[in-house]
Amino acid sequence: MAATPSMEEYRARIQAREKHIHESWIKAMEARIVRDELTKCYRGEGVNSLQNCKHLAEMYVGMVRDNKVGPIFVDG
């Protein structure tokens, strides 16, 4: 059996968990901003959206793949 962690170990673990959650939240919000810009681009560009919005689409897919945040396609 593992010994009960000391108070310092417990605090360090809690702090590491909070840091991880904070960084994950920031990555999720960055992906949301890119997704919103991609949506605006698609709606604004019309038939030329595949060419003119490609950079945003590639950026968003990369963020979702690397950061494992949110679905690629969202209704709304």
PDB file of N, CA and C in Angstrom:
ATOM      1  N   MET A   1       0.827  -1.184   0.000  1.00  0.00           N
ATOM      2  CA  MET A   1       0.000   0.000   0.000  1.00  0.00           C
ATOM      3  C   MET A   1       0.872   1.248   0.000  1.00  0.00           C
ATOM      4  N   ALA A   2       0.414   2.240  -0.711  1.00  0.00           N
ATOM      5  CA  ALA A   2       1.134   3.506  -0.758  1.00  0.00           C
ATOM      6  C   ALA A   2       0.830   4.313   0.498  1.00  0.00           C
ATOM      7  N   ALA A   3       1.829   5.017   0.942  1.00  0.00           N
ATOM      8  CA  ALA A   3       1.654   5.862   2.124  1.00  0.00           C
ATOM      9  C   ALA A   3       0.799   7.070   1.758  1.00  0.00           C
ATOM     10  N   THR A   4       0.157   7.609   2.744  1.00  0.00           N
ATOM     11  CA  THR A   4      -0.639   8.807   2.532  1.00  0.00           C
ATOM     12  C   THR A   4       0.281   9.957   2.148  1.00  0.00           C
ATOM     13  N   PRO A   5      -0.066  10.702   1.079  1.00  0.00           N
ATOM     14  CA  PRO A   5       0.811  11.806   0.661  1.00  0.00           C
ATOM     15  C   PRO A   5       0.852  12.908   1.717  1.00  0.00           C
ATOM     16  N   SER A   6       1.995  13.549   1.792  1.00  0.00           N
ATOM     17  CA  SER A   6       2.121  14.656   2.740  1.00  0.00           C
ATOM     18  C   SER A   6       1.322  15.845   2.219  1.00  0.00           C
ATOM     19  N   MET A   7       1.150  16.827   3.072  1.00  0.00           N
ATOM     20  CA  MET A   7       0.386  18.007   2.697  1.00  0.00           C
ATOM     21  C   MET A   7       1.057  18.737   1.536  1.00  0.00           C
ATOM     22  N   GLU A   8       2.387  18.773   1.526  1.00  0.00           N
ATOM     23  CA  GLU A   8       3.112  19.443   0.444  1.00  0.00           C
ATOM     24  C   GLU A   8       2.903  18.714  -0.882  1.00  0.00           C
ATOM     25  N   GLU A   9       2.943  17.381  -0.844  1.00  0.00           N
ATOM     26  CA  GLU A   9       2.702  16.596  -2.058  1.00  0.00           C
ATOM     27  C   GLU A   9       1.270  16.791  -2.557  1.00  0.00           C
ATOM     28  N   TYR A  10       0.354  16.842  -1.627  1.00  0.00           N
ATOM     29  CA  TYR A  10      -1.045  17.058  -1.974  1.00  0.00           C
ATOM     30  C   TYR A  10      -1.232  18.424  -2.631  1.00  0.00           C
ATOM     31  N   ARG A  11      -0.640  19.459  -2.047  1.00  0.00           N
ATOM     32  CA  ARG A  11      -0.743  20.810  -2.623  1.00  0.00           C
ATOM     33  C   ARG A  11      -0.109  20.872  -4.009  1.00  0.00           C
ATOM     34  N   ALA A  12       1.037  20.214  -4.172  1.00  0.00           N
ATOM     35  CA  ALA A  12       1.713  20.198  -5.474  1.00  0.00           C
ATOM     36  C   ALA A  12       0.846  19.500  -6.518  1.00  0.00           C
ATOM     37  N   ARG A  13       0.208  18.421  -6.125  1.00  0.00           N
ATOM     38  CA  ARG A  13      -0.666  17.694  -7.051  1.00  0.00           C
ATOM     39  C   ARG A  13      -1.868  18.546  -7.446  1.00  0.00           C
ATOM     40  N   ILE A  14      -2.469  19.216  -6.491  1.00  0.00           N
ATOM     41  CA  ILE A  14      -3.608  20.094  -6.772  1.00  0.00           C
ATOM     42  C   ILE A  14      -3.178  21.232  -7.690  1.00  0.00           C
ATOM     43  N   GLN A  15      -2.029  21.827  -7.424  1.00  0.00           N
ATOM     44  CA  GLN A  15      -1.532  22.924  -8.246  1.00  0.00           C
ATOM     45  C   GLN A  15      -1.251  22.449  -9.675  1.00  0.00           C
ATOM     46  N   ALA A  16      -0.674  21.270  -9.833  1.00  0.00           N
ATOM     47  CA  ALA A  16      -0.405  20.725 -11.168  1.00  0.00           C
ATOM     48  C   ALA A  16      -1.712  20.466 -11.913  1.00  0.00           C
ATOM     49  N   ARG A  17      -2.712  19.966 -11.213  1.00  0.00           N
ATOM     50  CA  ARG A  17      -4.011  19.713 -11.829  1.00  0.00           C
ATOM     51  C   ARG A  17      -4.653  21.019 -12.291  1.00  0.00           C
ATOM     52  N   GLU A  18      -4.601  22.048 -11.454  1.00  0.00           N
ATOM     53  CA  GLU A  18      -5.179  23.335 -11.818  1.00  0.00           C
ATOM     54  C   GLU A  18      -4.458  23.955 -13.010  1.00  0.00           C
ATOM     55  N   LYS A  19      -3.141  23.809 -13.063  1.00  0.00           N
ATOM     56  CA  LYS A  19      -2.374  24.329 -14.194  1.00  0.00           C
ATOM     57  C   LYS A  19      -2.771  23.618 -15.483  1.00  0.00           C
ATOM     58  N   HIS A  20      -2.920  22.300 -15.413  1.00  0.00           N
ATOM     59  CA  HIS A  20      -3.320  21.530 -16.589  1.00  0.00           C
ATOM     60  C   HIS A  20      -4.710  21.949 -17.072  1.00  0.00           C
ATOM     61  N   ILE A  21      -5.644  22.108 -16.154  1.00  0.00           N
ATOM     62  CA  ILE A  21      -7.002  22.527 -16.508  1.00  0.00           C
ATOM     63  C   ILE A  21      -6.978  23.908 -17.135  1.00  0.00           C
ATOM     64  N   HIS A  22      -6.188  24.815 -16.575  1.00  0.00           N
ATOM     65  CA  HIS A  22      -6.083  26.176 -17.103  1.00  0.00           C
ATOM     66  C   HIS A  22      -5.538  26.162 -18.530  1.00  0.00           C
ATOM     67  N   GLU A  23      -4.478  25.410 -18.775  1.00  0.00           N
ATOM     68  CA  GLU A  23      -3.888  25.341 -20.113  1.00  0.00           C
ATOM     69  C   GLU A  23      -4.854  24.697 -21.104  1.00  0.00           C
ATOM     70  N   SER A  24      -5.572  23.670 -20.677  1.00  0.00           N
ATOM     71  CA  SER A  24      -6.554  23.024 -21.547  1.00  0.00           C
ATOM     72  C   SER A  24      -7.674  23.989 -21.907  1.00  0.00           C
ATOM     73  N   TRP A  25      -8.105  24.784 -20.949  1.00  0.00           N
ATOM     74  CA  TRP A  25      -9.165  25.759 -21.180  1.00  0.00           C
ATOM     75  C   TRP A  25      -8.703  26.808 -22.187  1.00  0.00           C
ATOM     76  N   ILE A  26      -7.488  27.283 -22.062  1.00  0.00           N
ATOM     77  CA  ILE A  26      -6.956  28.275 -22.996  1.00  0.00           C
ATOM     78  C   ILE A  26      -6.915  27.700 -24.410  1.00  0.00           C
ATOM     79  N   LYS A  27      -6.449  26.473 -24.559  1.00  0.00           N
ATOM     80  CA  LYS A  27      -6.404  25.841 -25.882  1.00  0.00           C
ATOM     81  C   LYS A  27      -7.804  25.674 -26.461  1.00  0.00           C
ATOM     82  N   ALA A  28      -8.762  25.325 -25.621  1.00  0.00           N
ATOM     83  CA  ALA A  28     -10.139  25.170 -26.086  1.00  0.00           C
ATOM     84  C   ALA A  28     -10.711  26.501 -26.552  1.00  0.00           C
ATOM     85  N   MET A  29     -10.422  27.573 -25.828  1.00  0.00           N
ATOM     86  CA  MET A  29     -10.930  28.884 -26.221  1.00  0.00           C
ATOM     87  C   MET A  29     -10.254  29.388 -27.499  1.00  0.00           C
ATOM     88  N   GLU A  30      -8.972  29.093 -27.674  1.00  0.00           N
ATOM     89  CA  GLU A  30      -8.293  29.460 -28.917  1.00  0.00           C
ATOM     90  C   GLU A  30      -8.930  28.733 -30.096  1.00  0.00           C
ATOM     91  N   ALA A  31      -9.236  27.453 -29.918  1.00  0.00           N
ATOM     92  CA  ALA A  31      -9.886  26.687 -30.985  1.00  0.00           C
ATOM     93  C   ALA A  31     -11.273  27.243 -31.277  1.00  0.00           C
ATOM     94  N   ARG A  32     -11.982  27.679 -30.255  1.00  0.00           N
ATOM     95  CA  ARG A  32     -13.308  28.260 -30.459  1.00  0.00           C
ATOM     96  C   ARG A  32     -13.215  29.546 -31.269  1.00  0.00           C
ATOM     97  N   ILE A  33     -12.230  30.373 -30.983  1.00  0.00           N
ATOM     98  CA  ILE A  33     -12.057  31.623 -31.728  1.00  0.00           C
ATOM     99  C   ILE A  33     -11.764  31.330 -33.194  1.00  0.00           C
ATOM    100  N   VAL A  34     -10.875  30.375 -33.451  1.00  0.00           N
ATOM    101  CA  VAL A  34     -10.551  30.017 -34.839  1.00  0.00           C
ATOM    102  C   VAL A  34     -11.789  29.449 -35.526  1.00  0.00           C
ATOM    103  N   ARG A  35     -12.565  28.622 -34.825  1.00  0.00           N
ATOM    104  CA  ARG A  35     -13.793  28.069 -35.406  1.00  0.00           C
ATOM    105  C   ARG A  35     -14.778  29.170 -35.768  1.00  0.00           C
ATOM    106  N   ASP A  36     -14.931  30.154 -34.893  1.00  0.00           N
ATOM    107  CA  ASP A  36     -15.840  31.262 -35.181  1.00  0.00           C
ATOM    108  C   ASP A  36     -15.372  32.065 -36.389  1.00  0.00           C
ATOM    109  N   GLU A  37     -14.066  32.304 -36.492  1.00  0.00           N
ATOM    110  CA  GLU A  37     -13.528  33.024 -37.649  1.00  0.00           C
ATOM    111  C   GLU A  37     -13.710  32.210 -38.927  1.00  0.00           C
ATOM    112  N   LEU A  38     -13.558  30.905 -38.839  1.00  0.00           N
ATOM    113  CA  LEU A  38     -13.763  30.028 -39.991  1.00  0.00           C
ATOM    114  C   LEU A  38     -15.219  30.083 -40.444  1.00  0.00           C
ATOM    115  N   THR A  39     -16.144  30.077 -39.507  1.00  0.00           N
ATOM    116  CA  THR A  39     -17.564  30.175 -39.841  1.00  0.00           C
ATOM    117  C   THR A  39     -17.863  31.490 -40.543  1.00  0.00           C
ATOM    118  N   LYS A  40     -17.330  32.592 -40.022  1.00  0.00           N
ATOM    119  CA  LYS A  40     -17.525  33.899 -40.658  1.00  0.00           C
ATOM    120  C   LYS A  40     -16.954  33.905 -42.068  1.00  0.00           C
ATOM    121  N   CYS A  41     -15.782  33.316 -42.226  1.00  0.00           N
ATOM    122  CA  CYS A  41     -15.122  33.282 -43.525  1.00  0.00           C
ATOM    123  C   CYS A  41     -15.960  32.490 -44.526  1.00  0.00           C
ATOM    124  N   TYR A  42     -16.434  31.311 -44.132  1.00  0.00           N
ATOM    125  CA  TYR A  42     -17.247  30.501 -45.034  1.00  0.00           C
ATOM    126  C   TYR A  42     -18.510  31.243 -45.455  1.00  0.00           C
ATOM    127  N   ARG A  43     -19.157  31.881 -44.517  1.00  0.00           N
ATOM    128  CA  ARG A  43     -20.396  32.596 -44.831  1.00  0.00           C
ATOM    129  C   ARG A  43     -20.138  33.835 -45.677  1.00  0.00           C
ATOM    130  N   GLY A  44     -19.034  34.510 -45.435  1.00  0.00           N
ATOM    131  CA  GLY A  44     -18.732  35.739 -46.164  1.00  0.00           C
ATOM    132  C   GLY A  44     -18.179  35.510 -47.555  1.00  0.00           C
ATOM    133  N   GLU A  45     -17.425  34.458 -47.745  1.00  0.00           N
ATOM    134  CA  GLU A  45     -16.757  34.222 -49.029  1.00  0.00           C
ATOM    135  C   GLU A  45     -17.640  33.522 -50.047  1.00  0.00           C
ATOM    136  N   GLY A  46     -18.654  32.834 -49.605  1.00  0.00           N
ATOM    137  CA  GLY A  46     -19.553  32.162 -50.544  1.00  0.00           C
ATOM    138  C   GLY A  46     -18.850  31.062 -51.322  1.00  0.00           C
ATOM    139  N   VAL A  47     -18.938  31.143 -52.680  1.00  0.00           N
ATOM    140  CA  VAL A  47     -18.392  30.078 -53.525  1.00  0.00           C
ATOM    141  C   VAL A  47     -16.873  30.004 -53.469  1.00  0.00           C
ATOM    142  N   ASN A  48     -16.207  31.054 -53.065  1.00  0.00           N
ATOM    143  CA  ASN A  48     -14.748  31.068 -52.988  1.00  0.00           C
ATOM    144  C   ASN A  48     -14.224  30.643 -51.615  1.00  0.00           C
ATOM    145  N   SER A  49     -15.094  30.163 -50.764  1.00  0.00           N
ATOM    146  CA  SER A  49     -14.689  29.865 -49.384  1.00  0.00           C
ATOM    147  C   SER A  49     -13.658  28.747 -49.301  1.00  0.00           C
ATOM    148  N   LEU A  50     -13.718  27.778 -50.202  1.00  0.00           N
ATOM    149  CA  LEU A  50     -12.755  26.677 -50.127  1.00  0.00           C
ATOM    150  C   LEU A  50     -11.331  27.166 -50.344  1.00  0.00           C
ATOM    151  N   GLN A  51     -11.151  28.147 -51.206  1.00  0.00           N
ATOM    152  CA  GLN A  51      -9.812  28.688 -51.443  1.00  0.00           C
ATOM    153  C   GLN A  51      -9.433  29.724 -50.394  1.00  0.00           C
ATOM    154  N   ASN A  52     -10.341  30.625 -50.100  1.00  0.00           N
ATOM    155  CA  ASN A  52     -10.009  31.761 -49.243  1.00  0.00           C
ATOM    156  C   ASN A  52     -10.009  31.443 -47.747  1.00  0.00           C
ATOM    157  N   CYS A  53     -10.625  30.359 -47.354  1.00  0.00           N
ATOM    158  CA  CYS A  53     -10.696  30.010 -45.932  1.00  0.00           C
ATOM    159  C   CYS A  53      -9.860  28.777 -45.599  1.00  0.00           C
ATOM    160  N   LYS A  54      -9.094  28.298 -46.550  1.00  0.00           N
ATOM    161  CA  LYS A  54      -8.326  27.067 -46.362  1.00  0.00           C
ATOM    162  C   LYS A  54      -7.367  27.171 -45.180  1.00  0.00           C
ATOM    163  N   HIS A  55      -6.706  28.325 -45.041  1.00  0.00           N
ATOM    164  CA  HIS A  55      -5.734  28.479 -43.954  1.00  0.00           C
ATOM    165  C   HIS A  55      -6.396  28.359 -42.582  1.00  0.00           C
ATOM    166  N   LEU A  56      -7.606  28.908 -42.449  1.00  0.00           N
ATOM    167  CA  LEU A  56      -8.319  28.798 -41.173  1.00  0.00           C
ATOM    168  C   LEU A  56      -8.765  27.359 -40.916  1.00  0.00           C
ATOM    169  N   ALA A  57      -9.230  26.689 -41.964  1.00  0.00           N
ATOM    170  CA  ALA A  57      -9.673  25.302 -41.812  1.00  0.00           C
ATOM    171  C   ALA A  57      -8.511  24.410 -41.391  1.00  0.00           C
ATOM    172  N   GLU A  58      -7.356  24.593 -42.023  1.00  0.00           N
ATOM    173  CA  GLU A  58      -6.185  23.793 -41.661  1.00  0.00           C
ATOM    174  C   GLU A  58      -5.728  24.088 -40.236  1.00  0.00           C
ATOM    175  N   MET A  59      -5.787  25.357 -39.850  1.00  0.00           N
ATOM    176  CA  MET A  59      -5.398  25.735 -38.490  1.00  0.00           C
ATOM    177  C   MET A  59      -6.336  25.098 -37.466  1.00  0.00           C
ATOM    178  N   TYR A  60      -7.634  25.144 -37.748  1.00  0.00           N
ATOM    179  CA  TYR A  60      -8.614  24.592 -36.820  1.00  0.00           C
ATOM    180  C   TYR A  60      -8.467  23.077 -36.692  1.00  0.00           C
ATOM    181  N   VAL A  61      -8.317  22.398 -37.813  1.00  0.00           N
ATOM    182  CA  VAL A  61      -8.152  20.944 -37.770  1.00  0.00           C
ATOM    183  C   VAL A  61      -6.896  20.578 -36.986  1.00  0.00           C
ATOM    184  N   GLY A  62      -5.821  21.322 -37.195  1.00  0.00           N
ATOM    185  CA  GLY A  62      -4.593  21.064 -36.445  1.00  0.00           C
ATOM    186  C   GLY A  62      -4.773  21.274 -34.954  1.00  0.00           C
ATOM    187  N   MET A  63      -5.501  22.323 -34.582  1.00  0.00           N
ATOM    188  CA  MET A  63      -5.737  22.590 -33.158  1.00  0.00           C
ATOM    189  C   MET A  63      -6.576  21.482 -32.525  1.00  0.00           C
ATOM    190  N   VAL A  64      -7.597  21.046 -33.240  1.00  0.00           N
ATOM    191  CA  VAL A  64      -8.463  19.999 -32.702  1.00  0.00           C
ATOM    192  C   VAL A  64      -7.679  18.697 -32.573  1.00  0.00           C
ATOM    193  N   ARG A  65      -6.877  18.388 -33.579  1.00  0.00           N
ATOM    194  CA  ARG A  65      -6.106  17.145 -33.557  1.00  0.00           C
ATOM    195  C   ARG A  65      -5.046  17.177 -32.454  1.00  0.00           C
ATOM    196  N   ASP A  66      -4.311  18.267 -32.357  1.00  0.00           N
ATOM    197  CA  ASP A  66      -3.214  18.355 -31.395  1.00  0.00           C
ATOM    198  C   ASP A  66      -3.688  18.541 -29.960  1.00  0.00           C
ATOM    199  N   ASN A  67      -4.721  19.337 -29.782  1.00  0.00           N
ATOM    200  CA  ASN A  67      -5.162  19.687 -28.434  1.00  0.00           C
ATOM    201  C   ASN A  67      -6.328  18.854 -27.951  1.00  0.00           C
ATOM    202  N   LYS A  68      -6.902  18.072 -28.826  1.00  0.00           N
ATOM    203  CA  LYS A  68      -8.039  17.219 -28.489  1.00  0.00           C
ATOM    204  C   LYS A  68      -9.161  18.025 -27.847  1.00  0.00           C
ATOM    205  N   VAL A  69      -9.547  19.107 -28.526  1.00  0.00           N
ATOM    206  CA  VAL A  69     -10.629  19.937 -28.012  1.00  0.00           C
ATOM    207  C   VAL A  69     -11.778  19.967 -28.992  1.00  0.00           C
ATOM    208  N   GLY A  70     -12.970  19.816 -28.475  1.00  0.00           N
ATOM    209  CA  GLY A  70     -14.190  20.033 -29.217  1.00  0.00           C
ATOM    210  C   GLY A  70     -14.343  19.262 -30.518  1.00  0.00           C
ATOM    211  N   PRO A  71     -15.558  19.198 -31.003  1.00  0.00           N
ATOM    212  CA  PRO A  71     -15.813  18.565 -32.290  1.00  0.00           C
ATOM    213  C   PRO A  71     -15.393  19.474 -33.435  1.00  0.00           C
ATOM    214  N   ILE A  72     -15.116  18.881 -34.588  1.00  0.00           N
ATOM    215  CA  ILE A  72     -14.717  19.677 -35.745  1.00  0.00           C
ATOM    216  C   ILE A  72     -15.912  20.439 -36.290  1.00  0.00           C
ATOM    217  N   PHE A  73     -17.060  19.792 -36.382  1.00  0.00           N
ATOM    218  CA  PHE A  73     -18.247  20.437 -36.932  1.00  0.00           C
ATOM    219  C   PHE A  73     -19.259  20.653 -35.818  1.00  0.00           C
ATOM    220  N   VAL A  74     -19.730  21.880 -35.699  1.00  0.00           N
ATOM    221  CA  VAL A  74     -20.668  22.236 -34.646  1.00  0.00           C
ATOM    222  C   VAL A  74     -21.869  22.905 -35.288  1.00  0.00           C
ATOM    223  N   ASP A  75     -23.062  22.465 -34.923  1.00  0.00           N
ATOM    224  CA  ASP A  75     -24.272  23.113 -35.422  1.00  0.00           C
ATOM    225  C   ASP A  75     -24.408  24.469 -34.765  1.00  0.00           C
ATOM    226  N   GLY A  76     -24.811  25.438 -35.549  1.00  0.00           N
ATOM    227  CA  GLY A  76     -25.000  26.724 -34.906  1.00  0.00           C
ATOM    228  C   GLY A  76     -24.711  27.801 -35.797  1.00  0.00           C
TER     229      GLY A  76
END
